[in-house]
Each structure stands twice: as C-alpha cells, then as structure tokens.
PDB file of all heavy atoms in Angstrom:
ATOM      1  N   LEU A   1      10.302  11.542   3.672  1.00  0.00           N
ATOM      2  CA  LEU A   1      10.044  10.338   4.454  1.00  0.00           C
ATOM      3  C   LEU A   1      11.342   9.590   4.745  1.00  0.00           C
ATOM      4  O   LEU A   1      12.145   9.377   3.858  1.00  0.00           O
ATOM      5  CB  LEU A   1       9.077   9.416   3.698  1.00  0.00           C
ATOM      6  CG  LEU A   1       7.676   9.958   3.445  1.00  0.00           C
ATOM      7  CD1 LEU A   1       6.902   9.003   2.566  1.00  0.00           C
ATOM      8  CD2 LEU A   1       6.952  10.186   4.758  1.00  0.00           C
ATOM      9  N   PRO A   2      11.541   9.199   5.990  1.00  0.00           N
ATOM     10  CA  PRO A   2      12.743   8.426   6.299  1.00  0.00           C
ATOM     11  C   PRO A   2      12.631   7.032   5.685  1.00  0.00           C
ATOM     12  O   PRO A   2      11.559   6.456   5.636  1.00  0.00           O
ATOM     13  CB  PRO A   2      12.735   8.356   7.820  1.00  0.00           C
ATOM     14  CG  PRO A   2      11.335   8.565   8.216  1.00  0.00           C
ATOM     15  CD  PRO A   2      10.726   9.446   7.160  1.00  0.00           C
ATOM     16  N   ARG A   3      13.731   6.498   5.241  1.00  0.00           N
ATOM     17  CA  ARG A   3      13.729   5.177   4.612  1.00  0.00           C
ATOM     18  C   ARG A   3      14.554   4.205   5.438  1.00  0.00           C
ATOM     19  O   ARG A   3      15.731   4.426   5.644  1.00  0.00           O
ATOM     20  CB  ARG A   3      14.338   5.285   3.226  1.00  0.00           C
ATOM     21  CG  ARG A   3      13.379   4.828   2.187  1.00  0.00           C
ATOM     22  CD  ARG A   3      14.013   4.918   0.851  1.00  0.00           C
ATOM     23  NE  ARG A   3      13.003   5.454  -0.012  1.00  0.00           N
ATOM     24  CZ  ARG A   3      12.995   5.290  -1.296  1.00  0.00           C
ATOM     25  NH1 ARG A   3      13.981   4.679  -1.880  1.00  0.00           N
ATOM     26  NH2 ARG A   3      12.038   5.766  -2.007  1.00  0.00           N
ATOM     27  N   ALA A   4      13.895   3.168   5.891  1.00  0.00           N
ATOM     28  CA  ALA A   4      14.628   2.112   6.579  1.00  0.00           C
ATOM     29  C   ALA A   4      15.267   1.214   5.537  1.00  0.00           C
ATOM     30  O   ALA A   4      14.758   1.046   4.450  1.00  0.00           O
ATOM     31  CB  ALA A   4      13.669   1.309   7.461  1.00  0.00           C
ATOM     32  N   GLU A   5      16.379   0.661   5.860  1.00  0.00           N
ATOM     33  CA  GLU A   5      17.110  -0.163   4.896  1.00  0.00           C
ATOM     34  C   GLU A   5      16.351  -1.434   4.532  1.00  0.00           C
ATOM     35  O   GLU A   5      16.499  -1.949   3.452  1.00  0.00           O
ATOM     36  CB  GLU A   5      18.489  -0.518   5.461  1.00  0.00           C
ATOM     37  CG  GLU A   5      19.403   0.665   5.586  1.00  0.00           C
ATOM     38  CD  GLU A   5      19.715   1.316   4.252  1.00  0.00           C
ATOM     39  OE1 GLU A   5      19.893   0.612   3.255  1.00  0.00           O
ATOM     40  OE2 GLU A   5      19.780   2.558   4.224  1.00  0.00           O
ATOM     41  N   THR A   6      15.551  -1.961   5.436  1.00  0.00           N
ATOM     42  CA  THR A   6      14.879  -3.231   5.177  1.00  0.00           C
ATOM     43  C   THR A   6      13.421  -3.083   4.786  1.00  0.00           C
ATOM     44  O   THR A   6      12.750  -4.075   4.601  1.00  0.00           O
ATOM     45  CB  THR A   6      14.959  -4.131   6.428  1.00  0.00           C
ATOM     46  OG1 THR A   6      14.295  -3.469   7.511  1.00  0.00           O
ATOM     47  CG2 THR A   6      16.382  -4.441   6.787  1.00  0.00           C
ATOM     48  N   TYR A   7      12.904  -1.888   4.668  1.00  0.00           N
ATOM     49  CA  TYR A   7      11.506  -1.722   4.281  1.00  0.00           C
ATOM     50  C   TYR A   7      11.398  -1.437   2.804  1.00  0.00           C
ATOM     51  O   TYR A   7      12.137  -0.629   2.293  1.00  0.00           O
ATOM     52  CB  TYR A   7      10.863  -0.574   5.062  1.00  0.00           C
ATOM     53  CG  TYR A   7       9.406  -0.384   4.695  1.00  0.00           C
ATOM     54  CD1 TYR A   7       8.438  -1.166   5.289  1.00  0.00           C
ATOM     55  CD2 TYR A   7       9.015   0.552   3.749  1.00  0.00           C
ATOM     56  CE1 TYR A   7       7.121  -1.020   4.955  1.00  0.00           C
ATOM     57  CE2 TYR A   7       7.688   0.704   3.410  1.00  0.00           C
ATOM     58  CZ  TYR A   7       6.733  -0.082   4.011  1.00  0.00           C
ATOM     59  OH  TYR A   7       5.422   0.065   3.674  1.00  0.00           O
ATOM     60  N   PRO A   8      10.505  -2.023   2.135  1.00  0.00           N
ATOM     61  CA  PRO A   8       9.670  -3.170   2.512  1.00  0.00           C
ATOM     62  C   PRO A   8      10.412  -4.468   2.243  1.00  0.00           C
ATOM     63  O   PRO A   8      11.109  -4.619   1.260  1.00  0.00           O
ATOM     64  CB  PRO A   8       8.468  -3.040   1.612  1.00  0.00           C
ATOM     65  CG  PRO A   8       8.978  -2.380   0.373  1.00  0.00           C
ATOM     66  CD  PRO A   8      10.094  -1.487   0.826  1.00  0.00           C
ATOM     67  N   SER A   9      10.240  -5.386   3.134  1.00  0.00           N
ATOM     68  CA  SER A   9      10.913  -6.677   2.995  1.00  0.00           C
ATOM     69  C   SER A   9      10.039  -7.691   2.267  1.00  0.00           C
ATOM     70  O   SER A   9      10.491  -8.777   1.950  1.00  0.00           O
ATOM     71  CB  SER A   9      11.288  -7.216   4.374  1.00  0.00           C
ATOM     72  OG  SER A   9      10.130  -7.356   5.169  1.00  0.00           O
ATOM     73  N   ARG A  10       8.787  -7.320   2.014  1.00  0.00           N
ATOM     74  CA  ARG A  10       7.854  -8.180   1.278  1.00  0.00           C
ATOM     75  C   ARG A  10       6.804  -7.276   0.628  1.00  0.00           C
ATOM     76  O   ARG A  10       6.940  -6.057   0.675  1.00  0.00           O
ATOM     77  CB  ARG A  10       7.223  -9.209   2.200  1.00  0.00           C
ATOM     78  CG  ARG A  10       6.461  -8.603   3.369  1.00  0.00           C
ATOM     79  CD  ARG A  10       5.939  -9.682   4.294  1.00  0.00           C
ATOM     80  NE  ARG A  10       5.381  -9.113   5.486  1.00  0.00           N
ATOM     81  CZ  ARG A  10       4.151  -8.625   5.612  1.00  0.00           C
ATOM     82  NH1 ARG A  10       3.340  -8.622   4.578  1.00  0.00           N
ATOM     83  NH2 ARG A  10       3.736  -8.126   6.750  1.00  0.00           N
ATOM     84  N   SER A  11       5.782  -7.875   0.043  1.00  0.00           N
ATOM     85  CA  SER A  11       4.785  -7.075  -0.674  1.00  0.00           C
ATOM     86  C   SER A  11       4.020  -6.161   0.282  1.00  0.00           C
ATOM     87  O   SER A  11       3.872  -6.442   1.470  1.00  0.00           O
ATOM     88  CB  SER A  11       3.808  -7.987  -1.407  1.00  0.00           C
ATOM     89  OG  SER A  11       3.056  -8.745  -0.489  1.00  0.00           O
ATOM     90  N   VAL A  12       3.548  -5.059  -0.258  1.00  0.00           N
ATOM     91  CA  VAL A  12       2.784  -4.065   0.488  1.00  0.00           C
ATOM     92  C   VAL A  12       1.328  -4.173   0.035  1.00  0.00           C
ATOM     93  O   VAL A  12       1.055  -4.265  -1.170  1.00  0.00           O
ATOM     94  CB  VAL A  12       3.311  -2.644   0.231  1.00  0.00           C
ATOM     95  CG1 VAL A  12       2.463  -1.605   0.911  1.00  0.00           C
ATOM     96  CG2 VAL A  12       4.768  -2.540   0.674  1.00  0.00           C
ATOM     97  N   SER A  13       0.400  -4.172   0.985  1.00  0.00           N
ATOM     98  CA  SER A  13      -1.028  -4.248   0.659  1.00  0.00           C
ATOM     99  C   SER A  13      -1.682  -2.903   0.937  1.00  0.00           C
ATOM    100  O   SER A  13      -1.508  -2.326   2.007  1.00  0.00           O
ATOM    101  CB  SER A  13      -1.717  -5.318   1.503  1.00  0.00           C
ATOM    102  OG  SER A  13      -1.221  -6.586   1.188  1.00  0.00           O
ATOM    103  N   LEU A  14      -2.428  -2.409  -0.037  1.00  0.00           N
ATOM    104  CA  LEU A  14      -3.227  -1.209   0.127  1.00  0.00           C
ATOM    105  C   LEU A  14      -4.687  -1.635   0.190  1.00  0.00           C
ATOM    106  O   LEU A  14      -5.207  -2.167  -0.790  1.00  0.00           O
ATOM    107  CB  LEU A  14      -3.016  -0.247  -1.037  1.00  0.00           C
ATOM    108  CG  LEU A  14      -1.598   0.272  -1.275  1.00  0.00           C
ATOM    109  CD1 LEU A  14      -1.557   1.150  -2.506  1.00  0.00           C
ATOM    110  CD2 LEU A  14      -1.105   1.033  -0.066  1.00  0.00           C
ATOM    111  N   LEU A  15      -5.350  -1.446   1.314  1.00  0.00           N
ATOM    112  CA  LEU A  15      -6.741  -1.836   1.461  1.00  0.00           C
ATOM    113  C   LEU A  15      -7.653  -0.641   1.264  1.00  0.00           C
ATOM    114  O   LEU A  15      -7.405   0.446   1.816  1.00  0.00           O
ATOM    115  CB  LEU A  15      -6.990  -2.450   2.839  1.00  0.00           C
ATOM    116  CG  LEU A  15      -6.750  -3.945   2.958  1.00  0.00           C
ATOM    117  CD1 LEU A  15      -5.320  -4.300   2.690  1.00  0.00           C
ATOM    118  CD2 LEU A  15      -7.212  -4.469   4.267  1.00  0.00           C
ATOM    119  N   ILE A  16      -8.692  -0.861   0.451  1.00  0.00           N
ATOM    120  CA  ILE A  16      -9.655   0.182   0.143  1.00  0.00           C
ATOM    121  C   ILE A  16     -11.016  -0.287   0.612  1.00  0.00           C
ATOM    122  O   ILE A  16     -11.393  -1.434   0.377  1.00  0.00           O
ATOM    123  CB  ILE A  16      -9.738   0.428  -1.383  1.00  0.00           C
ATOM    124  CG1 ILE A  16      -8.369   0.665  -1.977  1.00  0.00           C
ATOM    125  CG2 ILE A  16     -10.653   1.604  -1.689  1.00  0.00           C
ATOM    126  CD1 ILE A  16      -8.386   0.701  -3.489  1.00  0.00           C
ATOM    127  N   GLY A  17     -11.776   0.568   1.229  1.00  0.00           N
ATOM    128  CA  GLY A  17     -13.117   0.223   1.701  1.00  0.00           C
ATOM    129  C   GLY A  17     -14.196   0.515   0.681  1.00  0.00           C
ATOM    130  O   GLY A  17     -15.371   0.587   1.050  1.00  0.00           O
ATOM    131  N   TYR A  18     -13.827   0.675  -0.559  1.00  0.00           N
ATOM    132  CA  TYR A  18     -14.791   1.013  -1.611  1.00  0.00           C
ATOM    133  C   TYR A  18     -14.769  -0.025  -2.712  1.00  0.00           C
ATOM    134  O   TYR A  18     -13.802  -0.768  -2.871  1.00  0.00           O
ATOM    135  CB  TYR A  18     -14.478   2.390  -2.192  1.00  0.00           C
ATOM    136  CG  TYR A  18     -14.485   3.480  -1.156  1.00  0.00           C
ATOM    137  CD1 TYR A  18     -13.298   3.988  -0.647  1.00  0.00           C
ATOM    138  CD2 TYR A  18     -15.679   3.972  -0.649  1.00  0.00           C
ATOM    139  CE1 TYR A  18     -13.292   4.970   0.329  1.00  0.00           C
ATOM    140  CE2 TYR A  18     -15.689   4.949   0.323  1.00  0.00           C
ATOM    141  CZ  TYR A  18     -14.504   5.444   0.811  1.00  0.00           C
ATOM    142  OH  TYR A  18     -14.508   6.408   1.782  1.00  0.00           O
ATOM    143  N   ALA A  19     -15.838  -0.063  -3.493  1.00  0.00           N
ATOM    144  CA  ALA A  19     -15.985  -1.058  -4.558  1.00  0.00           C
ATOM    145  C   ALA A  19     -14.985  -0.834  -5.685  1.00  0.00           C
ATOM    146  O   ALA A  19     -14.557   0.289  -5.940  1.00  0.00           O
ATOM    147  CB  ALA A  19     -17.402  -1.002  -5.109  1.00  0.00           C
ATOM    148  N   PRO A  20     -14.603  -1.914  -6.370  1.00  0.00           N
ATOM    149  CA  PRO A  20     -13.698  -1.781  -7.517  1.00  0.00           C
ATOM    150  C   PRO A  20     -14.361  -0.983  -8.642  1.00  0.00           C
ATOM    151  O   PRO A  20     -15.562  -1.038  -8.840  1.00  0.00           O
ATOM    152  CB  PRO A  20     -13.469  -3.218  -7.965  1.00  0.00           C
ATOM    153  CG  PRO A  20     -13.973  -4.088  -6.878  1.00  0.00           C
ATOM    154  CD  PRO A  20     -14.937  -3.294  -6.080  1.00  0.00           C
ATOM    155  N   GLY A  21     -13.552  -0.253  -9.383  1.00  0.00           N
ATOM    156  CA  GLY A  21     -14.038   0.489 -10.536  1.00  0.00           C
ATOM    157  C   GLY A  21     -14.408   1.926 -10.265  1.00  0.00           C
ATOM    158  O   GLY A  21     -14.623   2.699 -11.185  1.00  0.00           O
ATOM    159  N   GLY A  22     -14.465   2.322  -9.003  1.00  0.00           N
ATOM    160  CA  GLY A  22     -14.792   3.697  -8.669  1.00  0.00           C
ATOM    161  C   GLY A  22     -13.566   4.597  -8.755  1.00  0.00           C
ATOM    162  O   GLY A  22     -12.445   4.135  -9.013  1.00  0.00           O
ATOM    163  N   LEU A  23     -13.760   5.878  -8.569  1.00  0.00           N
ATOM    164  CA  LEU A  23     -12.661   6.836  -8.669  1.00  0.00           C
ATOM    165  C   LEU A  23     -11.554   6.548  -7.667  1.00  0.00           C
ATOM    166  O   LEU A  23     -10.374   6.584  -8.011  1.00  0.00           O
ATOM    167  CB  LEU A  23     -13.185   8.265  -8.480  1.00  0.00           C
ATOM    168  CG  LEU A  23     -12.148   9.372  -8.557  1.00  0.00           C
ATOM    169  CD1 LEU A  23     -11.497   9.381  -9.941  1.00  0.00           C
ATOM    170  CD2 LEU A  23     -12.764  10.704  -8.248  1.00  0.00           C
ATOM    171  N   THR A  24     -11.920   6.219  -6.430  1.00  0.00           N
ATOM    172  CA  THR A  24     -10.911   5.920  -5.427  1.00  0.00           C
ATOM    173  C   THR A  24     -10.087   4.715  -5.825  1.00  0.00           C
ATOM    174  O   THR A  24      -8.850   4.720  -5.724  1.00  0.00           O
ATOM    175  CB  THR A  24     -11.576   5.670  -4.056  1.00  0.00           C
ATOM    176  OG1 THR A  24     -12.381   6.796  -3.711  1.00  0.00           O
ATOM    177  CG2 THR A  24     -10.546   5.436  -2.975  1.00  0.00           C
TER     178      THR A  24
END
C-alpha cells in the first residue's frame, strides 16, 4: 500500500453494520 506522508492526520473510524459482541 502506498503511504502518503500526511495520512492519517487524525483519528480513523471503522464503521461496522453489525451488533457489538459478534464475531465481526
């Protein structure tokens, strides 16, 4: 993967469409 010098400049969010506590 190419890496930009300024990425990430802040927090990264991972959104999941499934309920907490499951395998995913």
